[in-house]
Amino acid sequence: MKQLTNRSVADEFALDATGPDTWQARVDRTWRGWTGPHGGALAALLVEVARRATGDELPVRAVDMRFLGRPVDGAFTFSATPQPIGRSTAVVDVVARQESGPVAAASITLGRTAPSSVPDRTDRPAPEVAAADSCAAFRLPPEIVPVGAHFDIRPAAGPLPLTAAAEAWMCAWIALDPPMATDAAALAILADALPPGIFPTLSAPIAVPTVAFSMHVHTDFTAPASQPVLVRAANTGTGGGWSVDDIDIWDEPGRLLVSARQTRRVLG
């Protein structure tokens, strides 16, 4: 199941420059999620545009994304405004637009790796689970969520979605199909691959669209990561029509790659 490839998010969505700090891409219907184009795919494109706007030299460190409208399948245009901060850090503001107007925006922080006297550490070790090849595949129903066909999901721990479980978390090995290089953009897709964190507590699906998405990157990918990756998504709280999920992703050796958070509306 291990995947190593040079295929990128830009290849998958035909991302192409159209002018100074402007790009276009297309998200087809196979990338449709519960209520529209997959939010992780749009986040990935915003990340890739920011990376290109800085000259493809600085590693992505953080993503702060907001939805501004309801996107639809089809063409997107992106405009980027780089904000250099010294010699080693930049913030890029990226806006995604469709014919209806702006649909999403993100501020993306990029920064060069530098030596430090502080030892590397993490307080989020990978959970001990069975290897991906020994976990049975789980497929999101394509008639409800077409984007499910782009994920090879192998549940490794926790309850399954829509099982009326007492706990609101899931943990699974996930790989992209077709395979893509495991970089910050692809990990934005993978961070949104599992259903909303409250789904294990439900017995029927409801719409829980993402309003805000943030992601923090813990590596510069100098040591490449392969897929599948281990994704743990947990609902940290739901109430008043809003829901917050925390997501962590590790590679197979147990290296923490990213941590993410989603704020969602509960429409049901």
Protein backbone atom coordinates (compact mmCIF):
# COMPACT_ATOMS: atom_id res chain seq x y z
CA MET A 1 0.00 0.00 0.00
CA LYS A 2 2.99 2.33 0.39
CA GLN A 3 2.98 5.11 -2.20
CA LEU A 4 5.83 7.30 -3.48
CA THR A 5 5.11 9.54 -6.48
CA ASN A 6 6.05 12.86 -8.00
CA ARG A 7 2.46 13.61 -9.04
CA SER A 8 1.30 16.81 -7.34
CA VAL A 9 -1.86 18.66 -6.39
CA ALA A 10 -1.10 21.03 -9.26
CA ASP A 11 -1.13 18.07 -11.68
CA GLU A 12 -4.42 16.71 -10.35
CA PHE A 13 -6.29 20.01 -10.65
CA ALA A 14 -4.48 21.44 -13.71
CA LEU A 15 -3.22 24.46 -11.77
CA ASP A 16 -1.71 26.95 -14.20
CA ALA A 17 -0.42 30.51 -13.98
CA THR A 18 -2.50 33.05 -15.93
CA GLY A 19 -0.61 36.23 -15.06
CA PRO A 20 1.43 37.90 -12.31
CA ASP A 21 0.35 36.31 -9.00
CA THR A 22 -2.76 34.78 -10.59
CA TRP A 23 -3.61 31.13 -11.31
CA GLN A 24 -6.49 28.98 -12.41
CA ALA A 25 -7.53 25.40 -11.66
CA ARG A 26 -10.48 23.08 -12.10
CA VAL A 27 -12.11 20.87 -9.46
CA ASP A 28 -14.33 18.31 -11.17
CA ARG A 29 -17.35 16.51 -9.76
CA THR A 30 -15.33 13.49 -8.64
CA TRP A 31 -13.91 15.78 -5.92
CA ARG A 32 -17.35 16.67 -4.58
CA GLY A 33 -17.85 16.24 -0.82
CA TRP A 34 -21.02 16.34 1.27
CA THR A 35 -22.28 19.74 0.09
CA GLY A 36 -19.92 20.87 -2.69
CA PRO A 37 -16.29 20.69 -3.81
CA HIS A 38 -14.14 18.98 -1.19
CA GLY A 39 -12.87 21.59 1.26
CA GLY A 40 -9.51 19.88 1.57
CA ALA A 41 -8.99 20.07 -2.20
CA LEU A 42 -9.65 23.81 -2.17
CA ALA A 43 -7.32 24.25 0.82
CA ALA A 44 -4.66 22.30 -1.05
CA LEU A 45 -4.90 24.62 -4.04
CA LEU A 46 -4.63 27.69 -1.83
CA VAL A 47 -1.49 26.20 -0.27
CA GLU A 48 0.03 25.35 -3.65
CA VAL A 49 -0.66 28.85 -5.00
CA ALA A 50 1.02 30.40 -1.94
CA ARG A 51 4.05 28.16 -2.39
CA ARG A 52 4.39 29.16 -6.03
CA ALA A 53 3.91 32.85 -5.22
CA THR A 54 7.05 32.76 -3.04
CA GLY A 55 9.16 31.07 -5.69
CA ASP A 56 8.86 27.48 -4.45
CA GLU A 57 11.72 27.93 -1.98
CA LEU A 58 10.20 28.27 1.50
CA PRO A 59 8.51 25.34 3.29
CA VAL A 60 4.86 25.80 4.27
CA ARG A 61 4.48 26.22 8.03
CA ALA A 62 0.86 27.21 8.73
CA VAL A 63 -2.49 27.65 6.96
CA ASP A 64 -5.42 29.79 8.13
CA MET A 65 -8.37 29.39 5.74
CA ARG A 66 -11.94 30.74 5.73
CA PHE A 67 -14.83 30.01 3.39
CA LEU A 68 -16.42 33.20 2.06
CA GLY A 69 -19.15 31.72 -0.11
CA ARG A 70 -20.48 28.43 -1.38
CA PRO A 71 -18.15 26.99 -4.03
CA VAL A 72 -19.42 24.86 -6.91
CA ASP A 73 -17.77 22.31 -9.18
CA GLY A 74 -15.70 23.73 -12.00
CA ALA A 75 -13.16 26.48 -12.55
CA PHE A 76 -11.49 28.55 -9.84
CA THR A 77 -9.22 31.56 -10.15
CA PHE A 78 -6.65 32.43 -7.48
CA SER A 79 -4.91 35.69 -6.66
CA ALA A 80 -1.92 35.82 -4.30
CA THR A 81 -0.42 38.71 -2.36
CA PRO A 82 2.99 37.83 -0.86
CA GLN A 83 4.04 39.65 2.30
CA PRO A 84 7.78 39.05 2.92
CA ILE A 85 8.83 39.14 6.58
CA GLY A 86 12.61 39.35 6.78
CA ARG A 87 14.83 36.93 4.91
CA SER A 88 13.40 33.62 6.06
CA THR A 89 9.63 34.06 6.48
CA ALA A 90 6.74 35.11 4.27
CA VAL A 91 2.98 35.31 4.57
CA VAL A 92 0.91 34.93 1.41
CA ASP A 93 -2.74 35.98 1.28
CA VAL A 94 -4.60 33.94 -1.34
CA VAL A 95 -8.20 34.37 -2.52
CA ALA A 96 -10.15 31.78 -4.54
CA ARG A 97 -12.90 33.10 -6.80
CA GLN A 98 -15.61 31.76 -9.05
CA GLU A 99 -18.23 33.55 -11.16
CA SER A 100 -20.26 34.22 -8.00
CA GLY A 101 -17.31 36.05 -6.39
CA PRO A 102 -14.83 35.12 -3.64
CA VAL A 103 -15.48 31.67 -2.17
CA ALA A 104 -12.43 31.13 0.07
CA ALA A 105 -9.38 32.94 1.38
CA ALA A 106 -6.30 31.89 3.31
CA SER A 107 -3.24 33.38 4.93
CA ILE A 108 -0.37 30.94 4.53
CA THR A 109 2.88 31.23 6.44
CA LEU A 110 6.08 29.90 4.91
CA GLY A 111 9.49 29.82 6.56
CA ARG A 112 12.98 28.54 6.05
CA THR A 113 14.39 25.75 8.23
CA ALA A 114 17.13 27.00 10.56
CA PRO A 115 19.32 25.45 13.27
CA SER A 116 18.13 25.86 16.86
CA SER A 117 19.49 25.17 20.33
CA VAL A 118 16.08 23.81 21.38
CA PRO A 119 15.79 20.01 20.94
CA ASP A 120 13.10 18.65 18.65
CA ARG A 121 10.05 17.38 20.54
CA THR A 122 6.37 16.52 20.22
CA ASP A 123 3.70 15.78 22.78
CA ARG A 124 1.53 13.99 20.20
CA PRO A 125 3.09 10.59 19.57
CA ALA A 126 1.45 8.36 17.00
CA PRO A 127 -1.06 5.93 18.51
CA GLU A 128 -0.16 2.26 18.48
CA VAL A 129 -2.33 0.65 15.79
CA ALA A 130 -2.12 -2.26 13.36
CA ALA A 131 -0.18 -1.78 10.13
CA ALA A 132 -2.15 -0.44 7.19
CA ASP A 133 -1.92 -3.67 5.18
CA SER A 134 -3.65 -5.57 7.98
CA CYS A 135 -6.58 -3.13 8.23
CA ALA A 136 -9.72 -3.65 6.15
CA ALA A 137 -10.66 -1.00 3.62
CA PHE A 138 -13.59 1.34 4.27
CA ARG A 139 -15.19 3.20 1.38
CA LEU A 140 -17.30 6.33 1.77
CA PRO A 141 -20.49 5.79 -0.29
CA PRO A 142 -19.81 7.43 -3.70
CA GLU A 143 -23.50 8.13 -4.28
CA ILE A 144 -23.40 10.43 -1.22
CA VAL A 145 -19.76 11.54 -1.22
CA PRO A 146 -18.14 11.19 -4.69
CA VAL A 147 -14.76 12.30 -3.29
CA GLY A 148 -14.61 9.05 -1.34
CA ALA A 149 -13.35 7.36 -4.51
CA HIS A 150 -10.12 9.40 -4.18
CA PHE A 151 -9.28 7.93 -0.75
CA ASP A 152 -8.02 4.51 0.28
CA ILE A 153 -9.18 4.47 3.91
CA ARG A 154 -8.18 1.68 6.33
CA PRO A 155 -9.76 2.21 9.79
CA ALA A 156 -7.17 1.40 12.46
CA ALA A 157 -8.82 2.42 15.75
CA GLY A 158 -11.96 4.02 17.13
CA PRO A 159 -15.61 3.73 16.06
CA LEU A 160 -16.79 3.87 12.46
CA PRO A 161 -19.00 6.68 11.11
CA LEU A 162 -22.78 6.44 11.58
CA THR A 163 -22.64 3.65 14.16
CA ALA A 164 -24.31 5.59 17.02
CA ALA A 165 -21.14 5.16 19.06
CA ALA A 166 -20.51 6.84 22.40
CA GLU A 167 -17.17 8.31 21.30
CA ALA A 168 -16.64 11.01 18.66
CA TRP A 169 -13.30 10.16 17.05
CA MET A 170 -11.82 8.10 14.21
CA CYS A 171 -8.34 6.87 13.33
CA ALA A 172 -7.41 5.46 9.93
CA TRP A 173 -4.59 4.89 7.48
CA ILE A 174 -5.34 6.96 4.37
CA ALA A 175 -3.74 7.23 0.92
CA LEU A 176 -4.78 9.35 -2.04
CA ASP A 177 -6.04 7.81 -5.28
CA PRO A 178 -4.52 8.65 -7.72
CA PRO A 179 -1.33 8.87 -5.66
CA MET A 180 0.13 12.33 -4.97
CA ALA A 181 3.38 13.41 -3.37
CA THR A 182 2.98 13.82 0.40
CA ASP A 183 3.59 17.54 0.85
CA ALA A 184 1.75 20.32 2.67
CA ALA A 185 -0.84 20.68 -0.10
CA ALA A 186 -1.67 16.96 -0.22
CA LEU A 187 -1.85 16.84 3.57
CA ALA A 188 -4.51 19.57 3.49
CA ILE A 189 -6.61 17.12 1.46
CA LEU A 190 -5.84 14.23 3.82
CA ALA A 191 -6.70 16.35 6.88
CA ASP A 192 -10.23 16.60 5.46
CA ALA A 193 -10.51 12.99 4.28
CA LEU A 194 -12.48 11.56 7.20
CA PRO A 195 -16.12 12.46 7.88
CA PRO A 196 -16.87 15.11 10.53
CA GLY A 197 -15.79 14.05 14.02
CA ILE A 198 -19.35 13.74 15.33
CA PHE A 199 -20.29 11.18 12.66
CA PRO A 200 -19.48 8.09 14.79
CA THR A 201 -22.13 9.28 17.27
CA LEU A 202 -24.81 9.54 14.56
CA SER A 203 -26.88 6.87 12.81
CA ALA A 204 -27.70 8.93 9.68
CA PRO A 205 -25.64 11.55 7.83
CA ILE A 206 -26.30 15.28 8.12
CA ALA A 207 -24.61 18.28 6.51
CA VAL A 208 -21.71 19.60 8.61
CA PRO A 209 -19.85 21.98 6.25
CA THR A 210 -16.49 23.50 7.14
CA VAL A 211 -16.44 27.24 7.81
CA ALA A 212 -12.82 27.61 8.95
CA PHE A 213 -9.77 25.37 8.55
CA SER A 214 -6.32 25.77 10.05
CA MET A 215 -3.26 23.55 9.69
CA HIS A 216 0.20 23.61 11.24
CA VAL A 217 3.06 21.77 9.53
CA HIS A 218 5.67 20.05 11.73
CA THR A 219 8.23 19.15 9.03
CA ASP A 220 9.88 20.72 6.00
CA PHE A 221 9.75 17.38 4.11
CA THR A 222 13.52 17.27 3.72
CA ALA A 223 12.97 13.64 4.71
CA PRO A 224 10.17 12.65 2.30
CA ALA A 225 6.95 11.17 3.64
CA SER A 226 5.08 8.37 1.91
CA GLN A 227 1.48 7.26 2.02
CA PRO A 228 -0.56 5.90 3.63
CA VAL A 229 -0.51 8.31 6.54
CA LEU A 230 -2.20 7.78 9.89
CA VAL A 231 -5.02 10.28 10.44
CA ARG A 232 -6.76 10.79 13.78
CA ALA A 233 -9.81 13.07 13.84
CA ALA A 234 -11.56 13.87 17.12
CA ASN A 235 -14.51 16.13 17.87
CA THR A 236 -13.50 18.47 20.69
CA GLY A 237 -16.93 20.00 21.14
CA THR A 238 -20.33 20.47 19.49
CA GLY A 239 -23.13 22.83 20.49
CA GLY A 240 -25.39 25.60 19.28
CA GLY A 241 -25.14 24.46 15.69
CA TRP A 242 -21.31 24.54 15.64
CA SER A 243 -18.72 21.78 15.87
CA VAL A 244 -14.91 21.75 16.23
CA ASP A 245 -12.63 18.89 15.16
CA ASP A 246 -8.92 18.38 15.81
CA ILE A 247 -6.90 16.32 13.33
CA ASP A 248 -3.37 14.91 13.60
CA ILE A 249 -1.46 13.13 10.83
CA TRP A 250 1.64 10.92 11.20
CA ASP A 251 3.71 9.05 8.64
CA GLU A 252 4.33 5.31 8.96
CA PRO A 253 7.52 5.70 11.04
CA GLY A 254 5.50 7.80 13.52
CA ARG A 255 6.66 11.33 12.59
CA LEU A 256 4.02 13.99 13.27
CA LEU A 257 3.47 15.72 9.92
CA VAL A 258 0.63 18.17 10.56
CA SER A 259 -1.99 19.10 13.11
CA ALA A 260 -5.21 20.75 11.95
CA ARG A 261 -8.49 22.12 13.25
CA GLN A 262 -11.85 22.57 11.55
CA THR A 263 -14.76 24.71 12.69
CA ARG A 264 -18.02 23.46 11.18
CA ARG A 265 -21.69 24.38 11.01
CA VAL A 266 -24.14 21.65 12.00
CA LEU A 267 -27.08 21.83 9.57
CA GLY A 268 -29.32 19.16 10.97
